[in-house]
Amino acid sequence: MRRYTTVMTALFVCLPAVAQSQLQDQARSSVKGDIGVAAVSLHDPRVSGDVLTWEFQIRNDSTEDIWICDTMGSKSYQACLSSGNAALLVQRYLDFPPESLSLTGAWGGYSRLRKGETCMRLMSLPVPIQPQYAFSEPRRERPLEYAACVTLEIGYYSGDLPATILDMLRDTEATPLSETSRDVASEKRGVAYWFGGTQTFLMFNENAFYEDRLLNRSEWVAIPYTSQSLKGERILRLDADGVRIPYLEQERAAPRQPDLDQCTQIEMKFKTTASGFFFPYVDEQSLLSSAEQQYLRSLQTIVIKDRAVLDSIADEVAEGMCDALVADHGAAELTCHCTDGRVISLTVYDCSYIVDQRGQVFKYLSRLPSLRTITPQVRGLDLRARCASQLEDLWYRLRTHHKNKTYPAPRQWCDDILVSPKPGVGRQDVFIPLFCCPTQPQGRSHYAMNPDCKYDSPPDMVLLFEAKPGWNQHGGPELFSFDNHDPKGGLVLLNDGTMKFIRTEEELKQLRWK
């Protein structure tokens, strides 16, 4: 009889910017008790055909948000046999010691799971499993072996991870090292070295520097590998035994992304509602009206024949990163018909992951933009979400503008936050796209600042809002523009970072401006 065990982490505490390292060790060794955050198996892990699959959910019943490790750069996970050769280990976290790996420029992406929420995950790997080493030394090649159990480990942070990092960086920049103890000074130097400072961290996460990537800043954050300078990552662990998993310790070529170059038609059939597929984040869905939600629910099958769109999809699919874990808010089946008679079947999740016919997972930080524009209505909603994401980037810049927690003078707010990533480097026009609504190709800025909103103003006061083109614009609702989007409307950013899409004059009047 199979036995499945869920191993959960310790109770959440509100971590300071630099937590004690022993707290992390305690969290890893805690395996008992009702502790609020759990990875729970939904089905038995199973080998079916040539694929190992395991469906599970991560449940956050704690009192804080958590941030789950969703990627580790180009080495998005580690999969190998345990030292005793009995367990298949699949691991994804950043808290590994520097001596275990030499990875310059490694980084991790963490997605937010709000308190009280549950997210679905799928692990999929072709069998026999071949190793993927990210932070362990490869073993010598061996003949085919079988793992009798599987262990999945995923890293996460509790609390407000972006705010914790920004507070830590501002504290490091504000306090001279000469005024701190030797140990604290060493720790601060480590933090400053890996993150490069507040502005570098912000720009590392900004959409303008990810080309077509849509990284919702309130839901996703990228952080560099810090050689364990950033404390507090904990591990969610899920174990299952009574399985027989083929494993082959041999070098292999990197899995090839699906080749859709000869595709002449794609049938896209939604397995769930298109809302979760195109807009998986809570903040994105909050910008949709009930009619727009209903339209997305009505989408069932879309046939794509346009040659230019097919070529764009093929190019984007070819850029996927090899992965093993999938976030599942919504899924669609792609049936791709090719000129040579081949039919390629793919499953796409969240417009961000593809699982091919072999069970191999590929991850797309770009969130496959061509799929997000396959109907005029979806394209309009996609542009709205991109605009909101850029306003979030500007919010982070404004909130970190001054160490004394003040906003820049309204008459020069664009100039003041148009900063370069390194001291002494001049301002460049490459940074200006951050100020432009994605729907509007002309103009240097399509956003205005409310001069009555201060750093400590009420959280629901308007801070930034959409306007006609103009640099350093500031004023009240008379500057607001409904014309940047289709359907008509405009975005406002409140002082606490909340985003709203305003469709009518009456909604505009109901906002707090003073």
Foldseek 3Di string as FASTA:
>chain_A
DWDWAWFAFAADDDAALFHDQVVQVNRAPHGDDDRFWTKAWPDDFACDDFKTKTKIKIAGQHPWKKWWWQAWPLLGWWWDADPVNAEIEIEGDQPDACVQDDDPFIKTKIFIDGHGDMFIKMFMDTPPDETRDDRHDADDWDAKDKHQKYKYKIKMATHDVVVSLQVLQLVLVPDDLVPDDPVVSVLSVLSCVQQVGDLSLLVVFAPLVVVLFQDQVVTMGMGHRRSCSRDGMHMGMIMIGRYIHMYTHDDDDDDFFDAQLQFQKKKKFWPAFQCCQAPVDPLLVQQDDPVLSVVSRPDGIDMDRDPVLSVLLRVQRRPWRWDGMDTARIKIWIWTAGPVGDTWIWMGGSLFWIQGPSRTITGGSSSRVSVQPRDVSSNLSVLQSSQLSLVLSLLSLQQSLDSVRKGDQLQARQVSSQDDSDPPDDRDLSSQVSQDRPLDPDASHQKHAQRVDIRPPDQQAWGMKGFHHDHSHYDAPVRHFQPSGVVTWIWTAGSNGRIYTGNDPVVRVPGHRD
